[in-house]
């Protein structure tokens, strides 16, 4: 599974990255976590507001920082779909 945090490096982007790390630790789901800071890469996802969270190429949220518990639910759902 691939998890991406889209954002240019602002405080909220860093906060979302931290929440995503926390969620991965809590869920036990095996996934890579990546920061995407280049505007052209962010635009490929059609995201108009950052920060944004992408799980397996699907944008889960943008323009806000979800709590780790919400991210855990997205991770476990994606893991169940994958396999």
N, C-alpha and C. Protein backbone atom coordinates (compact mmCIF):
# COMPACT_ATOMS: atom_id res chain seq x y z
N UNK A 1 0.85 -1.17 0.00
CA UNK A 1 0.00 0.00 0.00
C UNK A 1 0.89 1.23 0.00
N UNK A 2 0.42 2.27 -0.67
CA UNK A 2 1.19 3.50 -0.79
C UNK A 2 0.37 4.67 -0.26
N UNK A 3 0.94 5.40 0.70
CA UNK A 3 0.27 6.56 1.29
C UNK A 3 1.11 7.79 0.99
N UNK A 4 0.45 8.84 0.47
CA UNK A 4 1.15 10.08 0.14
C UNK A 4 0.49 11.25 0.86
N UNK A 5 1.34 12.13 1.38
CA UNK A 5 0.87 13.40 1.94
C UNK A 5 1.28 14.47 0.95
N UNK A 6 0.29 15.16 0.40
CA UNK A 6 0.54 16.19 -0.59
C UNK A 6 0.53 17.56 0.09
N UNK A 7 1.58 18.32 -0.12
CA UNK A 7 1.65 19.65 0.45
C UNK A 7 3.03 20.24 0.27
N UNK A 8 3.11 21.55 0.31
CA UNK A 8 4.37 22.24 0.02
C UNK A 8 5.29 22.38 1.22
N UNK A 9 4.92 21.84 2.36
CA UNK A 9 5.79 21.88 3.53
C UNK A 9 5.32 22.83 4.61
N UNK A 10 4.09 23.29 4.52
CA UNK A 10 3.55 24.20 5.54
C UNK A 10 3.30 23.43 6.85
N UNK A 11 2.95 24.15 7.89
CA UNK A 11 2.74 23.54 9.21
C UNK A 11 1.63 22.49 9.17
N UNK A 12 0.54 22.78 8.45
CA UNK A 12 -0.56 21.80 8.37
C UNK A 12 -0.15 20.55 7.60
N UNK A 13 0.71 20.72 6.60
CA UNK A 13 1.20 19.56 5.85
C UNK A 13 2.04 18.66 6.75
N UNK A 14 2.87 19.29 7.58
CA UNK A 14 3.70 18.53 8.52
C UNK A 14 2.83 17.84 9.56
N UNK A 15 1.75 18.51 9.97
CA UNK A 15 0.82 17.93 10.94
C UNK A 15 0.12 16.70 10.34
N UNK A 16 -0.28 16.79 9.08
CA UNK A 16 -0.93 15.66 8.42
C UNK A 16 0.05 14.49 8.29
N UNK A 17 1.30 14.77 7.97
CA UNK A 17 2.31 13.71 7.87
C UNK A 17 2.45 12.99 9.21
N UNK A 18 2.49 13.77 10.30
CA UNK A 18 2.59 13.19 11.64
C UNK A 18 1.36 12.33 11.97
N UNK A 19 0.17 12.81 11.61
CA UNK A 19 -1.06 12.04 11.84
C UNK A 19 -1.05 10.75 11.02
N UNK A 20 -0.54 10.82 9.79
CA UNK A 20 -0.47 9.63 8.94
C UNK A 20 0.51 8.61 9.53
N UNK A 21 1.64 9.09 10.05
CA UNK A 21 2.60 8.19 10.71
C UNK A 21 1.96 7.49 11.90
N UNK A 22 1.23 8.28 12.70
CA UNK A 22 0.55 7.75 13.88
C UNK A 22 -0.48 6.68 13.46
N UNK A 23 -1.23 6.99 12.42
CA UNK A 23 -2.27 6.08 11.94
C UNK A 23 -1.67 4.77 11.43
N UNK A 24 -0.57 4.86 10.72
CA UNK A 24 0.09 3.64 10.22
C UNK A 24 0.56 2.78 11.38
N UNK A 25 1.11 3.40 12.41
CA UNK A 25 1.57 2.66 13.59
C UNK A 25 0.40 2.00 14.30
N UNK A 26 -0.71 2.70 14.43
CA UNK A 26 -1.89 2.18 15.14
C UNK A 26 -2.57 1.06 14.35
N UNK A 27 -2.61 1.19 13.03
CA UNK A 27 -3.37 0.24 12.22
C UNK A 27 -2.63 -1.06 12.00
N UNK A 28 -1.30 -1.00 12.00
CA UNK A 28 -0.52 -2.19 11.71
C UNK A 28 -0.51 -2.57 10.24
N UNK A 29 -1.04 -1.70 9.40
CA UNK A 29 -1.08 -1.94 7.96
C UNK A 29 0.31 -1.66 7.39
N UNK A 30 0.78 -2.56 6.53
CA UNK A 30 2.08 -2.37 5.89
C UNK A 30 1.91 -1.40 4.72
N UNK A 31 2.58 -0.26 4.81
CA UNK A 31 2.46 0.75 3.76
C UNK A 31 3.69 1.64 3.75
N UNK A 32 3.95 2.21 2.59
CA UNK A 32 5.01 3.21 2.50
C UNK A 32 4.36 4.58 2.66
N UNK A 33 5.06 5.49 3.31
CA UNK A 33 4.55 6.85 3.53
C UNK A 33 5.50 7.82 2.85
N UNK A 34 4.95 8.66 2.01
CA UNK A 34 5.77 9.56 1.20
C UNK A 34 5.21 10.97 1.24
N UNK A 35 6.11 11.95 1.27
CA UNK A 35 5.73 13.36 1.18
C UNK A 35 5.88 13.80 -0.27
N UNK A 36 4.87 14.48 -0.80
CA UNK A 36 4.95 15.02 -2.15
C UNK A 36 4.84 16.53 -2.03
N UNK A 37 5.93 17.23 -2.34
CA UNK A 37 5.98 18.67 -2.14
C UNK A 37 6.02 19.47 -3.45
N UNK A 38 6.28 18.81 -4.56
CA UNK A 38 6.37 19.51 -5.84
C UNK A 38 4.97 19.79 -6.38
N UNK A 39 4.74 21.06 -6.72
CA UNK A 39 3.42 21.49 -7.18
C UNK A 39 2.94 20.68 -8.38
N UNK A 40 3.81 20.43 -9.35
CA UNK A 40 3.38 19.68 -10.54
C UNK A 40 2.95 18.26 -10.20
N UNK A 41 3.59 17.64 -9.21
CA UNK A 41 3.19 16.30 -8.76
C UNK A 41 1.84 16.35 -8.04
N UNK A 42 1.65 17.37 -7.21
CA UNK A 42 0.39 17.54 -6.47
C UNK A 42 -0.76 17.74 -7.45
N UNK A 43 -0.53 18.53 -8.48
CA UNK A 43 -1.57 18.83 -9.47
C UNK A 43 -2.03 17.58 -10.23
N UNK A 44 -1.17 16.59 -10.36
CA UNK A 44 -1.53 15.35 -11.05
C UNK A 44 -2.69 14.63 -10.35
N UNK A 45 -2.87 14.90 -9.05
CA UNK A 45 -3.95 14.28 -8.30
C UNK A 45 -5.23 15.09 -8.34
N UNK A 46 -5.20 16.28 -9.00
CA UNK A 46 -6.39 17.12 -9.08
C UNK A 46 -6.74 17.80 -7.78
N UNK A 47 -5.78 17.93 -6.88
CA UNK A 47 -6.01 18.53 -5.57
C UNK A 47 -5.89 20.04 -5.69
N UNK A 48 -6.90 20.77 -5.20
CA UNK A 48 -6.88 22.23 -5.25
C UNK A 48 -6.43 22.85 -3.93
N UNK A 49 -6.57 22.10 -2.83
CA UNK A 49 -6.17 22.60 -1.52
C UNK A 49 -5.29 21.58 -0.82
N UNK A 50 -4.26 22.08 -0.19
CA UNK A 50 -3.40 21.20 0.60
C UNK A 50 -3.56 21.54 2.07
N UNK A 51 -3.24 20.66 2.96
CA UNK A 51 -2.67 19.34 2.69
C UNK A 51 -3.73 18.37 2.17
N UNK A 52 -3.25 17.30 1.55
CA UNK A 52 -4.14 16.26 1.06
C UNK A 52 -3.51 14.90 1.37
N UNK A 53 -4.36 13.91 1.50
CA UNK A 53 -3.91 12.55 1.79
C UNK A 53 -4.38 11.63 0.67
N UNK A 54 -3.45 10.84 0.15
CA UNK A 54 -3.75 9.91 -0.94
C UNK A 54 -3.37 8.52 -0.48
N UNK A 55 -4.31 7.58 -0.63
CA UNK A 55 -4.04 6.17 -0.31
C UNK A 55 -4.27 5.36 -1.57
N UNK A 56 -3.22 4.68 -2.02
CA UNK A 56 -3.26 3.88 -3.25
C UNK A 56 -3.88 4.67 -4.40
N UNK A 57 -3.37 5.86 -4.65
CA UNK A 57 -3.74 6.74 -5.77
C UNK A 57 -5.15 7.32 -5.65
N UNK A 58 -5.82 7.13 -4.52
CA UNK A 58 -7.16 7.71 -4.30
C UNK A 58 -7.07 8.83 -3.26
N UNK A 59 -7.50 10.02 -3.65
CA UNK A 59 -7.48 11.16 -2.73
C UNK A 59 -8.56 10.94 -1.67
N UNK A 60 -8.15 10.89 -0.41
CA UNK A 60 -9.08 10.66 0.70
C UNK A 60 -9.57 11.96 1.32
N UNK A 61 -8.73 12.99 1.33
CA UNK A 61 -9.15 14.29 1.85
C UNK A 61 -8.19 15.35 1.34
N UNK A 62 -8.69 16.59 1.30
CA UNK A 62 -7.82 17.71 0.95
C UNK A 62 -8.33 18.96 1.66
N UNK A 63 -7.38 19.82 1.99
CA UNK A 63 -7.73 21.08 2.64
C UNK A 63 -7.96 20.99 4.13
N UNK A 64 -7.69 19.82 4.72
CA UNK A 64 -7.88 19.67 6.16
C UNK A 64 -6.92 18.61 6.69
N UNK A 65 -6.82 18.55 8.02
CA UNK A 65 -5.96 17.56 8.67
C UNK A 65 -6.86 16.61 9.46
N UNK A 66 -7.13 15.41 8.92
CA UNK A 66 -7.95 14.45 9.66
C UNK A 66 -7.18 13.88 10.85
N UNK A 67 -7.91 13.44 11.84
CA UNK A 67 -7.30 12.78 13.01
C UNK A 67 -6.80 11.40 12.60
N UNK A 68 -5.85 10.89 13.38
CA UNK A 68 -5.27 9.57 13.09
C UNK A 68 -6.34 8.48 13.02
N UNK A 69 -7.36 8.56 13.88
CA UNK A 69 -8.42 7.53 13.90
C UNK A 69 -9.15 7.46 12.56
N UNK A 70 -9.39 8.61 11.95
CA UNK A 70 -10.06 8.64 10.64
C UNK A 70 -9.15 8.03 9.57
N UNK A 71 -7.87 8.34 9.64
CA UNK A 71 -6.92 7.78 8.67
C UNK A 71 -6.81 6.27 8.85
N UNK A 72 -6.84 5.80 10.10
CA UNK A 72 -6.80 4.35 10.37
C UNK A 72 -7.96 3.66 9.66
N UNK A 73 -9.15 4.24 9.72
CA UNK A 73 -10.31 3.62 9.07
C UNK A 73 -10.12 3.55 7.55
N UNK A 74 -9.54 4.59 6.96
CA UNK A 74 -9.26 4.56 5.52
C UNK A 74 -8.22 3.51 5.19
N UNK A 75 -7.19 3.39 6.03
CA UNK A 75 -6.14 2.40 5.79
C UNK A 75 -6.66 0.98 5.87
N UNK A 76 -7.47 0.71 6.90
CA UNK A 76 -7.98 -0.66 7.05
C UNK A 76 -8.96 -1.01 5.93
N UNK A 77 -9.75 -0.04 5.49
CA UNK A 77 -10.66 -0.26 4.37
C UNK A 77 -9.87 -0.55 3.09
N UNK A 78 -8.84 0.23 2.84
CA UNK A 78 -8.01 0.02 1.64
C UNK A 78 -7.29 -1.30 1.70
N UNK A 79 -6.82 -1.70 2.88
CA UNK A 79 -6.14 -2.98 3.05
C UNK A 79 -7.10 -4.14 2.78
N UNK A 80 -8.34 -4.00 3.24
CA UNK A 80 -9.34 -5.05 3.03
C UNK A 80 -9.66 -5.20 1.53
N UNK A 81 -9.74 -4.06 0.84
CA UNK A 81 -10.00 -4.08 -0.61
C UNK A 81 -8.85 -4.73 -1.37
N UNK A 82 -7.63 -4.45 -0.90
CA UNK A 82 -6.43 -4.95 -1.59
C UNK A 82 -6.24 -6.44 -1.41
N UNK A 83 -6.80 -6.96 -0.30
CA UNK A 83 -6.50 -8.32 -0.24
C UNK A 83 -6.87 -9.25 0.75
